[in-house]
Amino acid sequence: MGLTKDQKLTLLDIVEVTLQKHIKKEEVPRFDITDKTLNGERGVFVTLHKDGRLRGCIGNIFPVNKLYIAVKNMAVAASSQDPRFSSVSPEELGGLDIEISVLTVPEKVKSTEDIKLGRDGVIIKRGMNQGVYLPQVADETGWSKEEFLRSLSYSKAGLEPDAWKDKDTEILTFRAEVFSRKDLNR
C-alpha cells in the first residue's frame, strides 16, 4: 500500500474540512486532487473517536470510488449515518479524533489458520449476511482468534456464533493502512 506522509495528510485534511462543513450544514467543497494514488480506487473506512470512545465508523470494503472521494463520502457517513450513534453535533467537532483505514482488496482464505489477528481485517459472509472487523479491532479488544470470529459471526454478520466453522461460510481477509493525525505527528 504505502501512502506517503503527504498523501495521508491530504486525506486527513479532506476529512476535517468535510466534517466541518457537513456538520455545520454548509456546502462541502469539491476537492481538486491530481495525485495518481489518491485518484486510484480503494476501499476505505473513516472512524471517529471522541474522548477515546467510538463515535462513528463507516466505510466501503471494496473500492467504489476514487480514494479521496471515498474518504470524503465516508467522513459524512461516519458523522451522520452510523446507526449506532446520533449525528455528530457542531459542539463535538473540536474533540473528534479521526482515523482513516485504506484497504487492500479482500481475498478468500483457505483456512482460519491463515488469519493473523492485528494484521488482517476479516469478512464473514453467508447468504445475505455479512460482517466485517477492521484489523485494529483485534488489538483493541484483546480477543483470541476464536472470540474474534465468534463475535464477527454473531454480532456483525447476524449468524450463529460458530458460523465461521461452517463450510458454507465464506471468510475473506484484507489489510489496512491505518493512520490518524497524531500518528503522523510522532
C-alpha atoms as a PDB file:
ATOM      1  CA  MET A   1       0.000   0.000   0.000  1.00  0.00           C
ATOM      2  CA  GLY A   2       2.479   2.585   1.222  1.00  0.00           C
ATOM      3  CA  LEU A   3       0.837   6.005   1.177  1.00  0.00           C
ATOM      4  CA  THR A   4       3.304   8.834   1.712  1.00  0.00           C
ATOM      5  CA  LYS A   5       3.010  11.161   4.689  1.00  0.00           C
ATOM      6  CA  ASP A   6       1.825  13.946   2.354  1.00  0.00           C
ATOM      7  CA  GLN A   7      -0.886  11.701   0.870  1.00  0.00           C
ATOM      8  CA  LYS A   8      -2.074  10.753   4.361  1.00  0.00           C
ATOM      9  CA  LEU A   9      -2.129  14.405   5.434  1.00  0.00           C
ATOM     10  CA  THR A  10      -4.136  15.306   2.319  1.00  0.00           C
ATOM     11  CA  LEU A  11      -6.719  12.640   3.147  1.00  0.00           C
ATOM     12  CA  LEU A  12      -6.934  13.808   6.771  1.00  0.00           C
ATOM     13  CA  ASP A  13      -7.360  17.413   5.578  1.00  0.00           C
ATOM     14  CA  ILE A  14     -10.209  16.311   3.295  1.00  0.00           C
ATOM     15  CA  VAL A  15     -11.953  14.558   6.196  1.00  0.00           C
ATOM     16  CA  GLU A  16     -11.517  17.532   8.534  1.00  0.00           C
ATOM     17  CA  VAL A  17     -12.821  20.092   6.023  1.00  0.00           C
ATOM     18  CA  THR A  18     -15.692  17.790   5.053  1.00  0.00           C
ATOM     19  CA  LEU A  19     -16.692  17.262   8.689  1.00  0.00           C
ATOM     20  CA  GLN A  20     -16.520  20.991   9.476  1.00  0.00           C
ATOM     21  CA  LYS A  21     -18.745  21.890   6.541  1.00  0.00           C
ATOM     22  CA  HIS A  22     -21.159  18.952   6.716  1.00  0.00           C
ATOM     23  CA  ILE A  23     -21.792  19.143  10.450  1.00  0.00           C
ATOM     24  CA  LYS A  24     -22.373  22.906  10.265  1.00  0.00           C
ATOM     25  CA  LYS A  25     -24.796  22.259   7.376  1.00  0.00           C
ATOM     26  CA  GLU A  26     -22.624  24.209   4.946  1.00  0.00           C
ATOM     27  CA  GLU A  27     -21.746  23.148   1.413  1.00  0.00           C
ATOM     28  CA  VAL A  28     -18.908  20.627   1.340  1.00  0.00           C
ATOM     29  CA  PRO A  29     -16.330  21.796  -1.202  1.00  0.00           C
ATOM     30  CA  ARG A  30     -15.202  19.842  -4.218  1.00  0.00           C
ATOM     31  CA  PHE A  31     -11.586  18.865  -3.895  1.00  0.00           C
ATOM     32  CA  ASP A  32      -9.268  19.089  -6.881  1.00  0.00           C
ATOM     33  CA  ILE A  33      -6.820  16.249  -6.298  1.00  0.00           C
ATOM     34  CA  THR A  34      -4.385  15.320  -9.058  1.00  0.00           C
ATOM     35  CA  ASP A  35      -2.257  12.797  -7.140  1.00  0.00           C
ATOM     36  CA  LYS A  36      -2.401   9.499  -9.047  1.00  0.00           C
ATOM     37  CA  THR A  37      -2.576   7.326  -5.909  1.00  0.00           C
ATOM     38  CA  LEU A  38      -5.353   9.390  -4.338  1.00  0.00           C
ATOM     39  CA  ASN A  39      -7.276   9.116  -7.620  1.00  0.00           C
ATOM     40  CA  GLY A  40      -6.993   5.312  -7.541  1.00  0.00           C
ATOM     41  CA  GLU A  41      -9.932   3.250  -6.333  1.00  0.00           C
ATOM     42  CA  ARG A  42      -9.597   1.766  -2.852  1.00  0.00           C
ATOM     43  CA  GLY A  43     -11.787   0.525  -0.058  1.00  0.00           C
ATOM     44  CA  VAL A  44     -11.703   2.868   2.926  1.00  0.00           C
ATOM     45  CA  PHE A  45     -13.166   3.396   6.391  1.00  0.00           C
ATOM     46  CA  VAL A  46     -13.356   6.617   8.364  1.00  0.00           C
ATOM     47  CA  THR A  47     -13.518   6.172  12.124  1.00  0.00           C
ATOM     48  CA  LEU A  48     -14.352   8.949  14.567  1.00  0.00           C
ATOM     49  CA  HIS A  49     -13.458   8.834  18.270  1.00  0.00           C
ATOM     50  CA  LYS A  50     -14.451  11.287  20.993  1.00  0.00           C
ATOM     51  CA  ASP A  51     -12.690  11.117  24.359  1.00  0.00           C
ATOM     52  CA  GLY A  52     -11.206   7.743  23.391  1.00  0.00           C
ATOM     53  CA  ARG A  53     -14.603   6.213  22.590  1.00  0.00           C
ATOM     54  CA  LEU A  54     -16.003   5.232  19.217  1.00  0.00           C
ATOM     55  CA  ARG A  55     -18.264   7.988  17.843  1.00  0.00           C
ATOM     56  CA  GLY A  56     -18.852   6.701  14.306  1.00  0.00           C
ATOM     57  CA  CYS A  57     -17.322   4.351  11.759  1.00  0.00           C
ATOM     58  CA  ILE A  58     -18.442   3.656   8.215  1.00  0.00           C
ATOM     59  CA  GLY A  59     -16.667   2.549   5.092  1.00  0.00           C
ATOM     60  CA  ASN A  60     -16.599   0.547   1.916  1.00  0.00           C
ATOM     61  CA  ILE A  61     -14.722  -2.727   1.974  1.00  0.00           C
ATOM     62  CA  PHE A  62     -14.483  -2.907  -1.791  1.00  0.00           C
ATOM     63  CA  PRO A  63     -13.361   0.022  -3.956  1.00  0.00           C
ATOM     64  CA  VAL A  64     -16.326   2.014  -5.280  1.00  0.00           C
ATOM     65  CA  ASN A  65     -14.770   5.415  -5.826  1.00  0.00           C
ATOM     66  CA  LYS A  66     -11.525   7.321  -6.089  1.00  0.00           C
ATOM     67  CA  LEU A  67      -9.758   7.214  -2.729  1.00  0.00           C
ATOM     68  CA  TYR A  68     -10.041  10.933  -1.998  1.00  0.00           C
ATOM     69  CA  ILE A  69     -13.764  10.927  -2.882  1.00  0.00           C
ATOM     70  CA  ALA A  70     -14.376   7.760  -0.847  1.00  0.00           C
ATOM     71  CA  VAL A  71     -12.730   9.402   2.198  1.00  0.00           C
ATOM     72  CA  LYS A  72     -14.924  12.483   1.782  1.00  0.00           C
ATOM     73  CA  ASN A  73     -18.088  10.358   1.471  1.00  0.00           C
ATOM     74  CA  MET A  74     -17.198   8.141   4.431  1.00  0.00           C
ATOM     75  CA  ALA A  75     -16.482  11.191   6.599  1.00  0.00           C
ATOM     76  CA  VAL A  76     -20.057  12.352   6.011  1.00  0.00           C
ATOM     77  CA  ALA A  77     -21.396   8.848   6.639  1.00  0.00           C
ATOM     78  CA  ALA A  78     -19.370   8.258   9.821  1.00  0.00           C
ATOM     79  CA  SER A  79     -20.559  11.558  11.285  1.00  0.00           C
ATOM     80  CA  SER A  80     -24.235  11.225  10.433  1.00  0.00           C
ATOM     81  CA  GLN A  81     -25.229   7.761   9.188  1.00  0.00           C
ATOM     82  CA  ASP A  82     -23.750   5.253  11.642  1.00  0.00           C
ATOM     83  CA  PRO A  83     -26.941   3.698  13.071  1.00  0.00           C
ATOM     84  CA  ARG A  84     -25.276   3.143  16.451  1.00  0.00           C
ATOM     85  CA  PHE A  85     -24.942   6.881  17.112  1.00  0.00           C
ATOM     86  CA  SER A  86     -26.758  10.172  16.757  1.00  0.00           C
ATOM     87  CA  SER A  87     -25.255  12.636  14.272  1.00  0.00           C
ATOM     88  CA  VAL A  88     -22.137  14.453  15.426  1.00  0.00           C
ATOM     89  CA  SER A  89     -23.040  17.938  16.674  1.00  0.00           C
ATOM     90  CA  PRO A  90     -21.129  21.148  15.910  1.00  0.00           C
ATOM     91  CA  GLU A  91     -20.095  21.304  19.587  1.00  0.00           C
ATOM     92  CA  GLU A  92     -18.263  17.980  19.224  1.00  0.00           C
ATOM     93  CA  LEU A  93     -16.134  18.990  16.239  1.00  0.00           C
ATOM     94  CA  GLY A  94     -13.108  20.194  18.205  1.00  0.00           C
ATOM     95  CA  GLY A  95     -12.816  16.989  20.201  1.00  0.00           C
ATOM     96  CA  LEU A  96     -13.003  14.417  17.419  1.00  0.00           C
ATOM     97  CA  ASP A  97     -10.078  12.148  16.631  1.00  0.00           C
ATOM     98  CA  ILE A  98     -10.116  10.975  13.016  1.00  0.00           C
ATOM     99  CA  GLU A  99      -8.705   7.660  11.864  1.00  0.00           C
ATOM    100  CA  ILE A 100      -8.565   6.543   8.234  1.00  0.00           C
ATOM    101  CA  SER A 101      -8.157   2.915   7.136  1.00  0.00           C
ATOM    102  CA  VAL A 102      -7.186   2.411   3.487  1.00  0.00           C
ATOM    103  CA  LEU A 103      -7.805  -1.205   2.483  1.00  0.00           C
ATOM    104  CA  THR A 104      -6.353  -3.789   0.162  1.00  0.00           C
ATOM    105  CA  VAL A 105      -8.801  -5.794  -1.949  1.00  0.00           C
ATOM    106  CA  PRO A 106     -10.212  -8.671   0.173  1.00  0.00           C
ATOM    107  CA  GLU A 107      -9.143 -12.225  -0.666  1.00  0.00           C
ATOM    108  CA  LYS A 108     -10.739 -15.525   0.321  1.00  0.00           C
ATOM    109  CA  VAL A 109      -8.788 -17.597   2.861  1.00  0.00           C
ATOM    110  CA  LYS A 110      -8.483 -21.368   2.716  1.00  0.00           C
ATOM    111  CA  SER A 111      -8.322 -21.740   6.486  1.00  0.00           C
ATOM    112  CA  THR A 112      -8.718 -19.595   9.584  1.00  0.00           C
ATOM    113  CA  GLU A 113      -5.093 -20.563  10.268  1.00  0.00           C
ATOM    114  CA  ASP A 114      -4.237 -18.036   7.529  1.00  0.00           C
ATOM    115  CA  ILE A 115      -5.721 -15.178   9.596  1.00  0.00           C
ATOM    116  CA  LYS A 116      -3.241 -13.125  11.621  1.00  0.00           C
ATOM    117  CA  LEU A 117      -5.029 -11.021  14.226  1.00  0.00           C
ATOM    118  CA  GLY A 118      -3.949  -7.391  14.247  1.00  0.00           C
ATOM    119  CA  ARG A 119      -2.687  -7.616  10.657  1.00  0.00           C
ATOM    120  CA  ASP A 120      -5.809  -8.807   8.860  1.00  0.00           C
ATOM    121  CA  GLY A 121      -9.273  -7.376   8.650  1.00  0.00           C
ATOM    122  CA  VAL A 122     -11.807 -10.172   8.328  1.00  0.00           C
ATOM    123  CA  ILE A 123     -15.100 -10.508   6.464  1.00  0.00           C
ATOM    124  CA  ILE A 124     -17.554 -13.324   7.151  1.00  0.00           C
ATOM    125  CA  LYS A 125     -20.258 -13.935   4.534  1.00  0.00           C
ATOM    126  CA  ARG A 126     -23.040 -16.463   4.206  1.00  0.00           C
ATOM    127  CA  GLY A 127     -26.058 -15.839   2.038  1.00  0.00           C
ATOM    128  CA  MET A 128     -27.221 -12.261   2.525  1.00  0.00           C
ATOM    129  CA  ASN A 129     -25.444 -11.938   5.874  1.00  0.00           C
ATOM    130  CA  GLN A 130     -22.074 -10.283   6.110  1.00  0.00           C
ATOM    131  CA  GLY A 131     -19.944  -8.789   8.856  1.00  0.00           C
ATOM    132  CA  VAL A 132     -16.544  -7.128   8.941  1.00  0.00           C
ATOM    133  CA  TYR A 133     -13.957  -6.209  11.537  1.00  0.00           C
ATOM    134  CA  LEU A 134     -11.056  -3.938  10.695  1.00  0.00           C
ATOM    135  CA  PRO A 135      -7.587  -5.211  11.678  1.00  0.00           C
ATOM    136  CA  GLN A 136      -7.354  -2.862  14.670  1.00  0.00           C
ATOM    137  CA  VAL A 137     -10.405  -4.476  16.341  1.00  0.00           C
ATOM    138  CA  ALA A 138      -8.254  -7.434  17.430  1.00  0.00           C
ATOM    139  CA  ASP A 139      -5.751  -5.116  19.112  1.00  0.00           C
ATOM    140  CA  GLU A 140      -8.491  -3.018  20.742  1.00  0.00           C
ATOM    141  CA  THR A 141     -10.365  -5.997  22.195  1.00  0.00           C
ATOM    142  CA  GLY A 142      -7.544  -8.418  23.006  1.00  0.00           C
ATOM    143  CA  TRP A 143      -9.743 -11.311  21.862  1.00  0.00           C
ATOM    144  CA  SER A 144      -8.406 -14.711  20.911  1.00  0.00           C
ATOM    145  CA  LYS A 145      -8.934 -15.722  17.272  1.00  0.00           C
ATOM    146  CA  GLU A 146     -11.943 -17.835  18.265  1.00  0.00           C
ATOM    147  CA  GLU A 147     -13.507 -14.974  20.272  1.00  0.00           C
ATOM    148  CA  PHE A 148     -12.867 -12.624  17.348  1.00  0.00           C
ATOM    149  CA  LEU A 149     -14.502 -14.969  14.807  1.00  0.00           C
ATOM    150  CA  ARG A 150     -17.445 -15.790  17.095  1.00  0.00           C
ATOM    151  CA  SER A 151     -18.160 -12.093  17.670  1.00  0.00           C
ATOM    152  CA  LEU A 152     -17.811 -11.333  13.975  1.00  0.00           C
ATOM    153  CA  SER A 153     -20.193 -14.158  13.067  1.00  0.00           C
ATOM    154  CA  TYR A 154     -22.812 -13.314  15.673  1.00  0.00           C
ATOM    155  CA  SER A 155     -22.582  -9.583  16.424  1.00  0.00           C
ATOM    156  CA  LYS A 156     -21.666  -8.284  12.991  1.00  0.00           C
ATOM    157  CA  ALA A 157     -22.920 -10.840  10.443  1.00  0.00           C
ATOM    158  CA  GLY A 158     -26.076 -11.822  12.371  1.00  0.00           C
ATOM    159  CA  LEU A 159     -25.241 -15.516  12.117  1.00  0.00           C
ATOM    160  CA  GLU A 160     -24.845 -18.151  14.806  1.00  0.00           C
ATOM    161  CA  PRO A 161     -21.574 -17.708  16.792  1.00  0.00           C
ATOM    162  CA  ASP A 162     -19.937 -20.774  15.222  1.00  0.00           C
ATOM    163  CA  ALA A 163     -20.910 -19.856  11.636  1.00  0.00           C
ATOM    164  CA  TRP A 164     -17.226 -19.250  10.866  1.00  0.00           C
ATOM    165  CA  LYS A 165     -16.698 -23.029  11.140  1.00  0.00           C
ATOM    166  CA  ASP A 166     -19.399 -23.810   8.547  1.00  0.00           C
ATOM    167  CA  LYS A 167     -18.124 -24.829   5.094  1.00  0.00           C
ATOM    168  CA  ASP A 168     -20.832 -22.634   3.510  1.00  0.00           C
ATOM    169  CA  THR A 169     -19.485 -19.532   5.231  1.00  0.00           C
ATOM    170  CA  GLU A 170     -17.009 -17.542   3.189  1.00  0.00           C
ATOM    171  CA  ILE A 171     -14.107 -15.896   5.032  1.00  0.00           C
ATOM    172  CA  LEU A 172     -12.060 -13.161   3.396  1.00  0.00           C
ATOM    173  CA  THR A 173      -9.186 -11.086   4.716  1.00  0.00           C
ATOM    174  CA  PHE A 174      -7.716  -7.731   3.816  1.00  0.00           C
ATOM    175  CA  ARG A 175      -5.071  -5.455   5.198  1.00  0.00           C
ATOM    176  CA  ALA A 176      -5.388  -1.817   6.092  1.00  0.00           C
ATOM    177  CA  GLU A 177      -3.066   1.124   6.269  1.00  0.00           C
ATOM    178  CA  VAL A 178      -4.427   2.862   9.364  1.00  0.00           C
ATOM    179  CA  PHE A 179      -3.442   6.390  10.314  1.00  0.00           C
ATOM    180  CA  SER A 180      -4.506   9.477  12.211  1.00  0.00           C
ATOM    181  CA  ARG A 181      -3.012  12.929  12.605  1.00  0.00           C
ATOM    182  CA  LYS A 182      -1.422  12.004  15.932  1.00  0.00           C
ATOM    183  CA  ASP A 183       0.323   9.036  14.238  1.00  0.00           C
ATOM    184  CA  LEU A 184       1.838  11.398  11.664  1.00  0.00           C
ATOM    185  CA  ASN A 185       2.976  13.940  14.253  1.00  0.00           C
ATOM    186  CA  ARG A 186       5.192  11.489  16.113  1.00  0.00           C
END
